[in-house]
Protein backbone atom coordinates (compact mmCIF):
# COMPACT_ATOMS: atom_id res chain seq x y z
CA UNK A 1 82.27 36.32 26.08
CA UNK A 2 82.37 35.69 22.32
CA UNK A 3 79.78 38.43 21.75
CA UNK A 4 81.80 40.83 23.87
CA UNK A 5 84.93 40.26 21.87
CA UNK A 6 83.05 40.68 18.56
CA UNK A 7 81.46 43.86 19.77
CA UNK A 8 84.85 45.25 20.88
CA UNK A 9 86.43 44.47 17.53
CA UNK A 10 83.53 46.20 15.78
CA UNK A 11 83.86 49.32 17.95
CA UNK A 12 87.61 49.52 17.41
CA UNK A 13 87.29 49.00 13.68
CA UNK A 14 84.59 51.63 13.20
CA UNK A 15 86.29 54.20 15.42
CA UNK A 16 89.62 53.91 13.55
CA UNK A 17 88.05 54.48 10.08
CA UNK A 18 89.43 57.39 8.11
CA UNK A 19 89.16 58.68 4.68
CA UNK A 20 92.22 59.98 2.73
CA UNK A 21 92.28 61.89 -0.44
CA UNK A 22 94.37 64.11 -2.65
CA UNK A 23 92.03 66.57 -4.18
CA UNK A 24 92.47 68.95 -7.08
CA UNK A 25 90.29 72.22 -6.99
CA UNK A 26 90.02 74.11 -10.19
CA UNK A 27 90.56 77.82 -10.40
CA UNK A 28 87.85 79.91 -8.65
CA UNK A 29 86.19 76.63 -7.65
CA UNK A 30 85.34 74.80 -4.33
CA UNK A 31 85.31 71.30 -3.11
CA UNK A 32 82.54 70.39 -0.66
CA UNK A 33 82.60 67.62 2.00
CA UNK A 34 79.57 66.51 4.06
CA UNK A 35 76.42 68.10 2.70
CA UNK A 36 73.31 66.75 4.53
CA UNK A 37 72.89 64.80 7.75
CA UNK A 38 75.95 63.13 9.28
CA UNK A 39 77.88 63.04 12.53
CA UNK A 40 80.88 65.26 13.45
CA UNK A 41 84.24 64.80 11.75
CA UNK A 42 87.66 66.36 11.57
CA UNK A 43 89.84 66.94 8.68
CA UNK A 44 93.64 67.24 8.54
CA UNK A 45 94.22 69.38 5.54
CA UNK A 46 97.61 69.98 3.83
CA UNK A 47 97.82 72.55 1.06
CA UNK A 48 100.18 71.02 -1.40
CA UNK A 49 99.71 73.75 -4.04
CA UNK A 50 101.24 77.13 -4.83
CA UNK A 51 98.12 79.08 -3.99
CA UNK A 52 96.19 79.68 -0.79
CA UNK A 53 93.06 77.61 0.03
CA UNK A 54 90.21 78.87 2.35
CA UNK A 55 88.52 76.36 4.57
CA UNK A 56 84.88 77.27 5.41
CA UNK A 57 81.94 75.66 7.26
CA UNK A 58 78.25 75.89 6.57
CA UNK A 59 75.62 74.42 8.90
CA UNK A 60 72.43 73.05 7.33
CA UNK A 61 70.33 76.06 6.25
CA UNK A 62 72.98 78.35 7.72
CA UNK A 63 75.48 80.95 6.73
CA UNK A 64 78.96 80.06 5.48
CA UNK A 65 81.74 80.91 7.90
CA UNK A 66 85.44 81.18 6.94
CA UNK A 67 87.56 79.13 9.43
CA UNK A 68 91.12 79.47 8.15
CA UNK A 69 93.21 80.29 5.06
CA UNK A 70 95.96 77.66 4.40
CA UNK A 71 99.00 79.12 2.69
CA UNK A 72 101.10 76.82 0.37
CA UNK A 73 102.72 73.98 2.31
CA UNK A 74 100.63 74.65 5.50
CA UNK A 75 98.76 71.91 7.29
CA UNK A 76 96.00 72.23 9.94
CA UNK A 77 93.41 69.99 11.56
CA UNK A 78 89.87 71.42 11.48
CA UNK A 79 86.82 70.06 13.38
CA UNK A 80 83.43 70.11 11.86
CA UNK A 81 80.20 69.65 13.79
CA UNK A 82 77.34 67.22 12.90
CA UNK A 83 75.33 68.18 9.87
CA UNK A 84 77.81 70.79 8.60
CA UNK A 85 79.42 71.09 5.25
CA UNK A 86 83.18 71.69 4.93
CA UNK A 87 84.09 73.83 1.93
CA UNK A 88 87.62 74.16 0.49
CA UNK A 89 87.80 77.20 -1.73
CA UNK A 90 90.33 78.03 -4.39
CA UNK A 91 89.89 81.75 -5.15
CA UNK A 92 92.81 81.91 -7.51
CA UNK A 93 93.49 81.68 -11.27
CA UNK A 94 95.67 78.56 -10.82
CA UNK A 95 94.46 75.08 -9.63
CA UNK A 96 94.90 74.14 -6.00
CA UNK A 97 95.70 70.69 -4.54
CA UNK A 98 95.06 69.50 -0.97
CA UNK A 99 95.64 66.31 0.94
CA UNK A 100 92.77 65.41 3.20
CA UNK A 101 92.66 62.88 6.14
CA UNK A 102 89.15 62.76 7.53
CA UNK A 103 88.26 60.90 10.78
CA UNK A 104 85.02 60.70 12.66
CA UNK A 105 81.87 60.19 10.54
CA UNK A 106 83.39 59.41 7.10
CA UNK A 107 80.02 58.65 5.40
CA UNK A 108 80.13 62.04 3.67
CA UNK A 109 79.11 63.30 0.34
CA UNK A 110 81.92 64.91 -1.71
CA UNK A 111 82.09 67.16 -4.69
CA UNK A 112 79.69 70.04 -4.90
CA UNK A 113 78.30 72.17 -7.77
CA UNK A 114 81.46 74.18 -8.29
CA UNK A 115 83.96 71.42 -8.02
């Protein structure tokens, strides 16, 4: 019985893990989340800046696909499949800021070459 309780606690703890971040994206730059092999995840994204932010997805060895454009003040939840990269693009001359809450597989790389 003790092993069952410990296993149950571990499952509940691991399934309720989340990652929260407030991220600044420079002008004409992008922030990448989840490059490489990982499980699926979802991100609740709130655009807290004065410029629009594009949310894109790229599968491993695949083509980038634009999912949504978040206008200033807008919030959406976006689901990403296993082994895909989430890309948050700021195609503006001013910096952008987003709040992220990520659930699911949170063992994700962050940053990117253009960050």
